[in-house]
Amino acid sequence: MHALGETALADMVVPCLDGLRGEVFYGAWRGRAFDADLIREVMQGIGERGVLPSCDGVLSGYMGSAEIGGAILDAVAQVKAANPKAQYCCDPVIGDDDTHIYVRAGIPELIKERALPAADIATPNLFELKLLTGSDCGSLDELKRAVGDLAYLAEGTDISQRVLTLKLRTLERDGFVLR
């Protein structure tokens, strides 16, 4: 994006936001994940460069702790304050059918109570959708209802203004075919 003349927050911060994922899935990994204070310092530096108004979006995924999640949401607020048209895409990484919940205590609540209400786009897998909405998602109608319920986790947001996607690979594995 930078080569195209665009300044994206991702140009500067993406390497820091997913580092703890190695703990859960890969065993050995190199480097360290940014802690909450370092994320805030990086955001301060980005703000001092004056590029937040040109940032079009923020993407979050695995949050290593509730403190890191709070720092990410602070970053979202900073970007949206500088550019009200900026979008926040929250991949509410909590777990899956194979391993169930694999995030630290406090993360599911942070996602449900703070991250999703701040999000413009959410990309839960089927396990996460069930957990966040309390739905069984045992039929296509229940699945559609759960997606609607997830949209309404964002206070005061009309479902028509919110984009929600599901990872089709998970749906297909669980026997759903969306047409």
Foldseek 3Di string as FASTA:
>chain_A
DVVVVADEVCVQPVVQQCFCVCVQPPVDDDDHHDFLVVLLVSLVVVVVVVRLLRYQEAEHEDHQDVSNVVSSLVSLVSSCVSHVNHFYEYALDADDPVGQGDHDPPSLVCCLQPVLLSHQEYEYEPSNLCVSQVFPPPDVVSVVVSLVSSNPSNPPDDSVRGYYHYDVVRVVVVPDDDD
